[in-house]
């Protein structure tokens, strides 16, 4: 299972739905997105942390919103 958690200023503000990757799929594309209805788009430091089977995959993607 895979999912993403988005954080703003170190606080988790949203978590995506969990997706189960098919074991027999040799090539797939998967994306996660955040909508303003999921969490307010506030200025500051953000990160998106990808999880695989509950384990955070490093490093998280870090970005800044102005």
C-alpha atoms as a PDB file:
ATOM      1  CA  UNK A   1       0.000   0.000   0.000  1.00  0.00           C
ATOM      2  CA  UNK A   2       1.193   3.520  -0.781  1.00  0.00           C
ATOM      3  CA  UNK A   3      -0.008   6.957   0.291  1.00  0.00           C
ATOM      4  CA  UNK A   4       1.224  10.525   0.836  1.00  0.00           C
ATOM      5  CA  UNK A   5       1.045  12.917   3.779  1.00  0.00           C
ATOM      6  CA  UNK A   6       1.323  16.677   3.203  1.00  0.00           C
ATOM      7  CA  UNK A   7       2.673  18.899   5.968  1.00  0.00           C
ATOM      8  CA  UNK A   8       2.735  22.666   6.414  1.00  0.00           C
ATOM      9  CA  UNK A   9       5.289  24.087   8.854  1.00  0.00           C
ATOM     10  CA  UNK A  10       5.882  20.585  10.253  1.00  0.00           C
ATOM     11  CA  UNK A  11       2.206  19.785  10.918  1.00  0.00           C
ATOM     12  CA  UNK A  12       0.406  17.106   8.887  1.00  0.00           C
ATOM     13  CA  UNK A  13      -2.496  18.823   7.121  1.00  0.00           C
ATOM     14  CA  UNK A  14      -3.717  16.064   4.784  1.00  0.00           C
ATOM     15  CA  UNK A  15      -3.275  12.376   4.028  1.00  0.00           C
ATOM     16  CA  UNK A  16      -4.171  10.809   0.695  1.00  0.00           C
ATOM     17  CA  UNK A  17      -6.183   7.674   0.206  1.00  0.00           C
ATOM     18  CA  UNK A  18      -4.217   4.436   0.250  1.00  0.00           C
ATOM     19  CA  UNK A  19      -3.520   2.715  -3.052  1.00  0.00           C
ATOM     20  CA  UNK A  20      -2.500  -0.916  -3.495  1.00  0.00           C
ATOM     21  CA  UNK A  21       0.004  -1.380  -6.315  1.00  0.00           C
ATOM     22  CA  UNK A  22      -0.733  -4.493  -8.412  1.00  0.00           C
ATOM     23  CA  UNK A  23       2.076  -7.016  -7.921  1.00  0.00           C
ATOM     24  CA  UNK A  24       2.019  -8.134 -11.547  1.00  0.00           C
ATOM     25  CA  UNK A  25       2.228  -4.634 -13.064  1.00  0.00           C
ATOM     26  CA  UNK A  26       5.805  -4.110 -14.338  1.00  0.00           C
ATOM     27  CA  UNK A  27       5.211  -0.516 -15.444  1.00  0.00           C
ATOM     28  CA  UNK A  28       2.766   1.921 -13.907  1.00  0.00           C
ATOM     29  CA  UNK A  29       2.464   5.606 -13.152  1.00  0.00           C
ATOM     30  CA  UNK A  30       0.916   6.890  -9.948  1.00  0.00           C
ATOM     31  CA  UNK A  31       0.377  10.448  -8.750  1.00  0.00           C
ATOM     32  CA  UNK A  32      -1.033  12.059  -5.653  1.00  0.00           C
ATOM     33  CA  UNK A  33      -2.366  15.594  -5.529  1.00  0.00           C
ATOM     34  CA  UNK A  34      -3.638  18.066  -2.981  1.00  0.00           C
ATOM     35  CA  UNK A  35      -6.673  20.296  -3.551  1.00  0.00           C
ATOM     36  CA  UNK A  36      -7.501  23.502  -1.618  1.00  0.00           C
ATOM     37  CA  UNK A  37     -10.579  21.659  -0.316  1.00  0.00           C
ATOM     38  CA  UNK A  38      -8.236  19.048   1.268  1.00  0.00           C
ATOM     39  CA  UNK A  39      -6.099  21.592   3.147  1.00  0.00           C
ATOM     40  CA  UNK A  40      -5.759  25.382   2.976  1.00  0.00           C
ATOM     41  CA  UNK A  41      -2.865  26.479   0.768  1.00  0.00           C
ATOM     42  CA  UNK A  42      -0.983  28.600   3.304  1.00  0.00           C
ATOM     43  CA  UNK A  43       2.305  30.375   2.711  1.00  0.00           C
ATOM     44  CA  UNK A  44       5.273  28.667   4.327  1.00  0.00           C
ATOM     45  CA  UNK A  45       7.342  25.523   4.253  1.00  0.00           C
ATOM     46  CA  UNK A  46       5.646  22.392   2.993  1.00  0.00           C
ATOM     47  CA  UNK A  47       6.584  18.763   2.501  1.00  0.00           C
ATOM     48  CA  UNK A  48       5.057  15.712   0.878  1.00  0.00           C
ATOM     49  CA  UNK A  49       6.057  12.408   2.461  1.00  0.00           C
ATOM     50  CA  UNK A  50       5.554   9.213   0.421  1.00  0.00           C
ATOM     51  CA  UNK A  51       4.845   6.005   2.374  1.00  0.00           C
ATOM     52  CA  UNK A  52       5.187   2.415   1.162  1.00  0.00           C
ATOM     53  CA  UNK A  53       3.645  -0.264   3.397  1.00  0.00           C
ATOM     54  CA  UNK A  54       3.563   2.282   6.225  1.00  0.00           C
ATOM     55  CA  UNK A  55       7.276   3.095   5.935  1.00  0.00           C
ATOM     56  CA  UNK A  56       8.252   6.681   5.022  1.00  0.00           C
ATOM     57  CA  UNK A  57      10.451   6.790   1.929  1.00  0.00           C
ATOM     58  CA  UNK A  58      13.249   9.315   2.236  1.00  0.00           C
ATOM     59  CA  UNK A  59      13.715  12.102   1.565  1.00  0.00           C
ATOM     60  CA  UNK A  60      10.355  13.883   1.669  1.00  0.00           C
ATOM     61  CA  UNK A  61       9.730  16.387  -1.108  1.00  0.00           C
ATOM     62  CA  UNK A  62      10.120  19.871   0.383  1.00  0.00           C
ATOM     63  CA  UNK A  63       8.854  23.104  -1.130  1.00  0.00           C
ATOM     64  CA  UNK A  64       7.818  26.636  -0.192  1.00  0.00           C
ATOM     65  CA  UNK A  65       4.554  28.415  -0.987  1.00  0.00           C
ATOM     66  CA  UNK A  66       4.614  32.201  -1.045  1.00  0.00           C
END
